[in-house]
Amino acid sequence: MLKKLLGKLAVPPIEVAAGDAWKAGKTVFIRKFYPRPTKNDADLAQAIQDVEALGWKLASSQFEGDGLQRHANLVFTRP
């Protein structure tokens, strides 16, 4: 459901955006990720794992906000 909504808004899922950045030859991939509060950051861990499976390495992660506004700023680099 969320992927359908993001598709309509033209915001690709994190793994698609990371794949596009990798194919474009980018050296850094930065993304803001909003984990679902009901998932206890399991969706965040899955997103990081999906991006790292493409070849990116997590360089830093910083959390900001509270409650529904809580998000992670993720920075990935090429190895």
C-alpha atoms as a PDB file:
ATOM      1  CA  MET A   1       0.000   0.000   0.000  1.00  0.00           C
ATOM      2  CA  LEU A   2       2.768   2.443   0.912  1.00  0.00           C
ATOM      3  CA  LYS A   3       4.716   1.585  -2.259  1.00  0.00           C
ATOM      4  CA  LYS A   4       1.592   2.267  -4.337  1.00  0.00           C
ATOM      5  CA  LEU A   5       1.171   5.662  -2.700  1.00  0.00           C
ATOM      6  CA  LEU A   6       4.834   6.537  -3.161  1.00  0.00           C
ATOM      7  CA  GLY A   7       4.623   5.410  -6.770  1.00  0.00           C
ATOM      8  CA  LYS A   8       1.758   7.788  -7.357  1.00  0.00           C
ATOM      9  CA  LEU A   9       3.749  10.591  -5.734  1.00  0.00           C
ATOM     10  CA  ALA A  10       6.779   9.683  -7.898  1.00  0.00           C
ATOM     11  CA  VAL A  11       8.950   8.930  -4.844  1.00  0.00           C
ATOM     12  CA  PRO A  12      10.712   5.624  -5.527  1.00  0.00           C
ATOM     13  CA  PRO A  13      11.341   3.135  -2.706  1.00  0.00           C
ATOM     14  CA  ILE A  14      14.799   3.372  -1.148  1.00  0.00           C
ATOM     15  CA  GLU A  15      16.122   0.242  -2.889  1.00  0.00           C
ATOM     16  CA  VAL A  16      15.015   1.535  -6.314  1.00  0.00           C
ATOM     17  CA  ALA A  17      16.554   4.969  -5.717  1.00  0.00           C
ATOM     18  CA  ALA A  18      19.782   3.339  -4.498  1.00  0.00           C
ATOM     19  CA  GLY A  19      19.911   1.124  -7.586  1.00  0.00           C
ATOM     20  CA  ASP A  20      19.409   4.108  -9.858  1.00  0.00           C
ATOM     21  CA  ALA A  21      22.174   6.027  -8.069  1.00  0.00           C
ATOM     22  CA  TRP A  22      24.522   3.017  -8.350  1.00  0.00           C
ATOM     23  CA  LYS A  23      23.848   2.669 -12.084  1.00  0.00           C
ATOM     24  CA  ALA A  24      24.412   6.407 -12.561  1.00  0.00           C
ATOM     25  CA  GLY A  25      27.872   6.068 -11.020  1.00  0.00           C
ATOM     26  CA  LYS A  26      27.195   8.227  -7.967  1.00  0.00           C
ATOM     27  CA  THR A  27      29.760   7.948  -5.165  1.00  0.00           C
ATOM     28  CA  VAL A  28      27.355   8.923  -2.349  1.00  0.00           C
ATOM     29  CA  PHE A  29      23.696   8.050  -1.804  1.00  0.00           C
ATOM     30  CA  ILE A  30      21.764  10.049   0.817  1.00  0.00           C
ATOM     31  CA  ARG A  31      18.189   9.319   1.827  1.00  0.00           C
ATOM     32  CA  LYS A  32      15.799  10.301   4.608  1.00  0.00           C
ATOM     33  CA  PHE A  33      13.896   7.249   5.846  1.00  0.00           C
ATOM     34  CA  TYR A  34      10.787   7.325   8.054  1.00  0.00           C
ATOM     35  CA  PRO A  35      10.501   3.987   9.898  1.00  0.00           C
ATOM     36  CA  ARG A  36       7.026   2.839  10.867  1.00  0.00           C
ATOM     37  CA  PRO A  37       6.489   3.128  14.629  1.00  0.00           C
ATOM     38  CA  THR A  38       4.710  -0.246  14.736  1.00  0.00           C
ATOM     39  CA  LYS A  39       7.653  -2.092  13.175  1.00  0.00           C
ATOM     40  CA  ASN A  40      10.230  -1.302  15.923  1.00  0.00           C
ATOM     41  CA  ASP A  41      12.788  -0.252  13.280  1.00  0.00           C
ATOM     42  CA  ALA A  42      12.584  -3.628  11.525  1.00  0.00           C
ATOM     43  CA  ASP A  43      11.686  -1.833   8.286  1.00  0.00           C
ATOM     44  CA  LEU A  44      14.699   0.461   8.740  1.00  0.00           C
ATOM     45  CA  ALA A  45      16.997  -2.539   9.168  1.00  0.00           C
ATOM     46  CA  GLN A  46      15.456  -4.164   6.084  1.00  0.00           C
ATOM     47  CA  ALA A  47      15.925  -0.987   4.035  1.00  0.00           C
ATOM     48  CA  ILE A  48      19.588  -0.742   5.038  1.00  0.00           C
ATOM     49  CA  GLN A  49      20.087  -4.414   4.204  1.00  0.00           C
ATOM     50  CA  ASP A  50      18.430  -3.976   0.783  1.00  0.00           C
ATOM     51  CA  VAL A  51      20.640  -0.992  -0.079  1.00  0.00           C
ATOM     52  CA  GLU A  52      23.817  -2.719   1.125  1.00  0.00           C
ATOM     53  CA  ALA A  53      22.914  -5.757  -1.007  1.00  0.00           C
ATOM     54  CA  LEU A  54      23.292  -3.483  -4.050  1.00  0.00           C
ATOM     55  CA  GLY A  55      26.894  -2.721  -3.093  1.00  0.00           C
ATOM     56  CA  TRP A  56      26.536   0.447  -1.001  1.00  0.00           C
ATOM     57  CA  LYS A  57      28.083   0.694   2.483  1.00  0.00           C
ATOM     58  CA  LEU A  58      26.362   2.617   5.281  1.00  0.00           C
ATOM     59  CA  ALA A  59      28.656   5.519   6.206  1.00  0.00           C
ATOM     60  CA  SER A  60      26.430   7.232   8.775  1.00  0.00           C
ATOM     61  CA  SER A  61      22.942   7.333  10.196  1.00  0.00           C
ATOM     62  CA  GLN A  62      21.436  10.082  12.301  1.00  0.00           C
ATOM     63  CA  PHE A  63      17.998  10.072  13.896  1.00  0.00           C
ATOM     64  CA  GLU A  64      15.870  13.173  14.267  1.00  0.00           C
ATOM     65  CA  GLY A  65      12.365  13.948  15.468  1.00  0.00           C
ATOM     66  CA  ASP A  66       9.921  12.173  17.746  1.00  0.00           C
ATOM     67  CA  GLY A  67       6.872   9.984  17.244  1.00  0.00           C
ATOM     68  CA  LEU A  68       5.539   9.981  13.702  1.00  0.00           C
ATOM     69  CA  GLN A  69       8.070  12.646  12.683  1.00  0.00           C
ATOM     70  CA  ARG A  70      11.030  10.437  13.687  1.00  0.00           C
ATOM     71  CA  HIS A  71      13.305   9.727  10.741  1.00  0.00           C
ATOM     72  CA  ALA A  72      16.781   8.524   9.940  1.00  0.00           C
ATOM     73  CA  ASN A  73      19.186  10.390   7.680  1.00  0.00           C
ATOM     74  CA  LEU A  74      21.132   7.643   5.932  1.00  0.00           C
ATOM     75  CA  VAL A  75      24.372   8.212   4.050  1.00  0.00           C
ATOM     76  CA  PHE A  76      25.761   5.393   1.920  1.00  0.00           C
ATOM     77  CA  THR A  77      29.062   5.388   0.019  1.00  0.00           C
ATOM     78  CA  ARG A  78      30.629   3.134  -2.572  1.00  0.00           C
ATOM     79  CA  PRO A  79      33.236   0.783  -1.068  1.00  0.00           C
END
